[in-house]
Amino acid sequence: MKVGQRYVDHSLIDVRESQDWWVFVSGVCPECGGTLKFDPSRKRYVCQSCGLSLSREEIDEIRYKDQKLNEEEEKERVRKEYLKWWATKK
């Protein structure tokens, strides 16, 4: 393990220490886009902009839903591209 990195749920996440908080370099609030920081006393991630508080499980669920939406959007894009190609070949 390198300094400044931690393993969390089999994912390598870059972090930097700021006072008593661990800051996710890539942690972005799903509501406002602010920075998510982990509060060890509450064991929750808190947005520094809007105050949204999330557990690790809630963050994992949001990431899973985002990934699923991205896959569905890609399938729809490919379908539309194919239909456009098929219509121009006739």
N, C-alpha and C. Protein backbone atom coordinates (compact mmCIF):
# COMPACT_ATOMS: atom_id res chain seq x y z
N MET A 1 0.85 -1.18 0.00
CA MET A 1 0.00 0.00 0.00
C MET A 1 0.90 1.24 0.00
N LYS A 2 0.64 2.18 -0.88
CA LYS A 2 1.39 3.41 -0.96
C LYS A 2 0.84 4.43 0.02
N VAL A 3 1.68 5.38 0.42
CA VAL A 3 1.22 6.45 1.29
C VAL A 3 0.19 7.28 0.54
N GLY A 4 -0.88 7.65 1.20
CA GLY A 4 -1.92 8.46 0.56
C GLY A 4 -2.96 7.63 -0.16
N GLN A 5 -2.92 6.31 0.01
CA GLN A 5 -3.93 5.47 -0.63
C GLN A 5 -4.43 4.46 0.38
N ARG A 6 -5.68 4.08 0.27
CA ARG A 6 -6.29 3.10 1.16
C ARG A 6 -7.12 2.14 0.32
N TYR A 7 -7.25 0.89 0.79
CA TYR A 7 -8.14 -0.06 0.15
C TYR A 7 -9.47 -0.02 0.89
N VAL A 8 -10.54 0.23 0.17
CA VAL A 8 -11.88 0.25 0.74
C VAL A 8 -12.77 -0.58 -0.17
N ASP A 9 -13.35 -1.65 0.37
CA ASP A 9 -14.23 -2.53 -0.42
C ASP A 9 -13.60 -2.92 -1.75
N HIS A 10 -12.35 -3.34 -1.73
CA HIS A 10 -11.64 -3.82 -2.90
C HIS A 10 -11.42 -2.74 -3.95
N SER A 11 -11.59 -1.48 -3.60
CA SER A 11 -11.35 -0.39 -4.54
C SER A 11 -10.20 0.45 -4.01
N LEU A 12 -9.29 0.82 -4.88
CA LEU A 12 -8.20 1.69 -4.47
C LEU A 12 -8.67 3.13 -4.62
N ILE A 13 -8.68 3.86 -3.52
CA ILE A 13 -9.18 5.22 -3.53
C ILE A 13 -8.07 6.14 -3.03
N ASP A 14 -7.74 7.16 -3.81
CA ASP A 14 -6.74 8.13 -3.37
C ASP A 14 -7.33 9.00 -2.28
N VAL A 15 -6.55 9.21 -1.23
CA VAL A 15 -7.02 10.04 -0.13
C VAL A 15 -5.88 10.95 0.32
N ARG A 16 -6.22 12.02 0.99
CA ARG A 16 -5.23 12.85 1.66
C ARG A 16 -5.79 13.24 3.01
N GLU A 17 -4.93 13.37 3.98
CA GLU A 17 -5.40 13.66 5.34
C GLU A 17 -5.54 15.16 5.53
N SER A 18 -6.65 15.57 6.12
CA SER A 18 -6.92 16.98 6.40
C SER A 18 -7.51 17.05 7.80
N GLN A 19 -6.74 17.45 8.77
CA GLN A 19 -7.13 17.47 10.18
C GLN A 19 -7.52 16.07 10.60
N ASP A 20 -8.75 15.86 11.09
CA ASP A 20 -9.18 14.53 11.53
C ASP A 20 -9.99 13.80 10.47
N TRP A 21 -10.06 14.34 9.27
CA TRP A 21 -10.90 13.78 8.21
C TRP A 21 -10.03 13.17 7.13
N TRP A 22 -10.55 12.13 6.50
CA TRP A 22 -9.93 11.61 5.27
C TRP A 22 -10.75 12.14 4.12
N VAL A 23 -10.09 12.76 3.17
CA VAL A 23 -10.78 13.40 2.05
C VAL A 23 -10.65 12.50 0.82
N PHE A 24 -11.76 12.19 0.19
CA PHE A 24 -11.73 11.49 -1.09
C PHE A 24 -11.32 12.48 -2.16
N VAL A 25 -10.27 12.17 -2.89
CA VAL A 25 -9.87 13.04 -3.99
C VAL A 25 -10.93 12.98 -5.08
N SER A 26 -11.50 11.79 -5.31
CA SER A 26 -12.50 11.64 -6.36
C SER A 26 -13.92 11.58 -5.80
N GLY A 27 -14.10 11.85 -4.50
CA GLY A 27 -15.43 11.78 -3.89
C GLY A 27 -16.25 13.01 -4.23
N VAL A 28 -17.32 12.80 -4.99
CA VAL A 28 -18.17 13.90 -5.43
C VAL A 28 -19.58 13.67 -4.91
N CYS A 29 -20.18 14.70 -4.35
CA CYS A 29 -21.54 14.62 -3.83
C CYS A 29 -22.52 14.38 -4.99
N PRO A 30 -23.42 13.40 -4.86
CA PRO A 30 -24.39 13.14 -5.93
C PRO A 30 -25.46 14.23 -6.05
N GLU A 31 -25.61 15.06 -5.02
CA GLU A 31 -26.63 16.11 -5.05
C GLU A 31 -26.12 17.41 -5.64
N CYS A 32 -24.94 17.87 -5.16
CA CYS A 32 -24.48 19.21 -5.55
C CYS A 32 -23.13 19.21 -6.25
N GLY A 33 -22.41 18.09 -6.25
CA GLY A 33 -21.10 18.04 -6.88
C GLY A 33 -19.97 18.48 -5.96
N GLY A 34 -20.28 18.75 -4.69
CA GLY A 34 -19.26 19.16 -3.72
C GLY A 34 -18.37 18.00 -3.31
N THR A 35 -17.41 18.27 -2.44
CA THR A 35 -16.46 17.27 -1.97
C THR A 35 -17.03 16.48 -0.81
N LEU A 36 -16.95 15.15 -0.91
CA LEU A 36 -17.37 14.27 0.19
C LEU A 36 -16.17 14.01 1.09
N LYS A 37 -16.36 14.16 2.38
CA LYS A 37 -15.32 13.86 3.36
C LYS A 37 -15.87 12.83 4.34
N PHE A 38 -14.98 11.96 4.82
CA PHE A 38 -15.38 10.94 5.78
C PHE A 38 -15.21 11.49 7.19
N ASP A 39 -16.27 11.41 7.98
CA ASP A 39 -16.24 11.80 9.38
C ASP A 39 -16.13 10.53 10.21
N PRO A 40 -14.94 10.23 10.76
CA PRO A 40 -14.77 8.97 11.49
C PRO A 40 -15.61 8.87 12.75
N SER A 41 -15.95 9.98 13.37
CA SER A 41 -16.77 9.91 14.59
C SER A 41 -18.20 9.49 14.28
N ARG A 42 -18.72 9.87 13.11
CA ARG A 42 -20.08 9.50 12.70
C ARG A 42 -20.09 8.30 11.77
N LYS A 43 -18.90 7.95 11.24
CA LYS A 43 -18.76 6.85 10.28
C LYS A 43 -19.64 7.07 9.06
N ARG A 44 -19.66 8.32 8.60
CA ARG A 44 -20.45 8.69 7.42
C ARG A 44 -19.65 9.66 6.58
N TYR A 45 -19.99 9.72 5.30
CA TYR A 45 -19.38 10.68 4.38
C TYR A 45 -20.28 11.90 4.33
N VAL A 46 -19.70 13.08 4.47
CA VAL A 46 -20.47 14.31 4.55
C VAL A 46 -20.01 15.26 3.45
N CYS A 47 -20.97 15.83 2.71
CA CYS A 47 -20.65 16.81 1.68
C CYS A 47 -20.30 18.13 2.36
N GLN A 48 -19.21 18.74 1.94
CA GLN A 48 -18.76 19.99 2.53
C GLN A 48 -19.55 21.18 2.01
N SER A 49 -20.30 21.01 0.93
CA SER A 49 -21.10 22.11 0.37
C SER A 49 -22.54 22.11 0.87
N CYS A 50 -23.23 20.98 0.73
CA CYS A 50 -24.67 20.95 1.06
C CYS A 50 -24.98 20.22 2.36
N GLY A 51 -24.00 19.50 2.93
CA GLY A 51 -24.21 18.81 4.20
C GLY A 51 -24.84 17.43 4.08
N LEU A 52 -25.03 16.93 2.86
CA LEU A 52 -25.60 15.59 2.68
C LEU A 52 -24.71 14.57 3.38
N SER A 53 -25.31 13.65 4.11
CA SER A 53 -24.59 12.63 4.86
C SER A 53 -24.96 11.27 4.31
N LEU A 54 -23.95 10.48 3.93
CA LEU A 54 -24.17 9.17 3.32
C LEU A 54 -23.31 8.11 3.99
N SER A 55 -23.85 6.91 4.12
CA SER A 55 -23.05 5.78 4.59
C SER A 55 -22.31 5.18 3.40
N ARG A 56 -21.35 4.31 3.68
CA ARG A 56 -20.62 3.65 2.60
C ARG A 56 -21.56 2.83 1.73
N GLU A 57 -22.54 2.18 2.36
CA GLU A 57 -23.50 1.36 1.61
C GLU A 57 -24.35 2.23 0.67
N GLU A 58 -24.75 3.41 1.14
CA GLU A 58 -25.54 4.31 0.30
C GLU A 58 -24.72 4.80 -0.89
N ILE A 59 -23.45 5.08 -0.68
CA ILE A 59 -22.57 5.51 -1.77
C ILE A 59 -22.41 4.39 -2.79
N ASP A 60 -22.20 3.15 -2.30
CA ASP A 60 -22.09 2.00 -3.20
C ASP A 60 -23.35 1.82 -4.03
N GLU A 61 -24.52 2.00 -3.41
CA GLU A 61 -25.80 1.87 -4.12
C GLU A 61 -25.93 2.94 -5.21
N ILE A 62 -25.55 4.17 -4.89
CA ILE A 62 -25.61 5.26 -5.87
C ILE A 62 -24.68 4.97 -7.04
N ARG A 63 -23.46 4.51 -6.75
CA ARG A 63 -22.50 4.18 -7.82
C ARG A 63 -23.03 3.06 -8.70
N TYR A 64 -23.66 2.04 -8.09
CA TYR A 64 -24.21 0.93 -8.85
C TYR A 64 -25.31 1.43 -9.79
N LYS A 65 -26.20 2.29 -9.28
CA LYS A 65 -27.29 2.83 -10.10
C LYS A 65 -26.74 3.68 -11.24
N ASP A 66 -25.71 4.50 -10.96
CA ASP A 66 -25.09 5.32 -12.00
C ASP A 66 -24.48 4.44 -13.09
N GLN A 67 -23.80 3.37 -12.67
CA GLN A 67 -23.18 2.46 -13.63
C GLN A 67 -24.26 1.81 -14.50
N LYS A 68 -25.35 1.40 -13.88
CA LYS A 68 -26.45 0.76 -14.60
C LYS A 68 -27.06 1.73 -15.62
N LEU A 69 -27.26 3.00 -15.21
CA LEU A 69 -27.80 4.01 -16.12
C LEU A 69 -26.86 4.24 -17.29
N ASN A 70 -25.56 4.31 -17.04
CA ASN A 70 -24.60 4.52 -18.11
C ASN A 70 -24.63 3.37 -19.11
N GLU A 71 -24.77 2.14 -18.63
CA GLU A 71 -24.87 0.99 -19.52
C GLU A 71 -26.13 1.07 -20.37
N GLU A 72 -27.25 1.45 -19.77
CA GLU A 72 -28.51 1.56 -20.51
C GLU A 72 -28.43 2.68 -21.55
N GLU A 73 -27.81 3.81 -21.18
CA GLU A 73 -27.66 4.91 -22.13
C GLU A 73 -26.80 4.49 -23.32
N GLU A 74 -25.74 3.72 -23.07
CA GLU A 74 -24.87 3.25 -24.14
C GLU A 74 -25.62 2.29 -25.06
N LYS A 75 -26.42 1.39 -24.50
CA LYS A 75 -27.21 0.48 -25.32
C LYS A 75 -28.19 1.25 -26.20
N GLU A 76 -28.82 2.28 -25.64
CA GLU A 76 -29.77 3.10 -26.39
C GLU A 76 -29.06 3.85 -27.51
N ARG A 77 -27.86 4.38 -27.23
CA ARG A 77 -27.10 5.10 -28.25
C ARG A 77 -26.74 4.17 -29.41
N VAL A 78 -26.28 2.96 -29.09
CA VAL A 78 -25.91 1.99 -30.12
C VAL A 78 -27.14 1.59 -30.93
N ARG A 79 -28.28 1.40 -30.26
CA ARG A 79 -29.52 1.03 -30.96
C ARG A 79 -29.93 2.12 -31.94
N LYS A 80 -29.89 3.38 -31.50
CA LYS A 80 -30.26 4.50 -32.38
C LYS A 80 -29.30 4.62 -33.55
N GLU A 81 -28.02 4.41 -33.28
CA GLU A 81 -27.01 4.48 -34.34
C GLU A 81 -27.27 3.39 -35.38
N TYR A 82 -27.59 2.17 -34.93
CA TYR A 82 -27.89 1.08 -35.84
C TYR A 82 -29.14 1.37 -36.66
N LEU A 83 -30.19 1.87 -36.01
CA LEU A 83 -31.43 2.18 -36.73
C LEU A 83 -31.19 3.26 -37.78
N LYS A 84 -30.39 4.25 -37.45
CA LYS A 84 -30.06 5.30 -38.41
C LYS A 84 -29.31 4.71 -39.60
N TRP A 85 -28.32 3.84 -39.32
CA TRP A 85 -27.57 3.19 -40.39
C TRP A 85 -28.49 2.33 -41.25
N TRP A 86 -29.38 1.55 -40.61
CA TRP A 86 -30.27 0.66 -41.33
C TRP A 86 -31.23 1.45 -42.22
N ALA A 87 -31.74 2.57 -41.73
CA ALA A 87 -32.68 3.38 -42.50
C ALA A 87 -32.00 4.02 -43.70
N THR A 88 -30.75 4.37 -43.62
CA THR A 88 -30.06 5.00 -44.75
C THR A 88 -29.64 3.99 -45.81
N LYS A 89 -29.59 2.71 -45.49
CA LYS A 89 -29.19 1.68 -46.44
C LYS A 89 -30.34 1.26 -47.35
N LYS A 90 -31.55 1.61 -47.03
CA LYS A 90 -32.72 1.21 -47.82
C LYS A 90 -32.95 2.12 -48.99
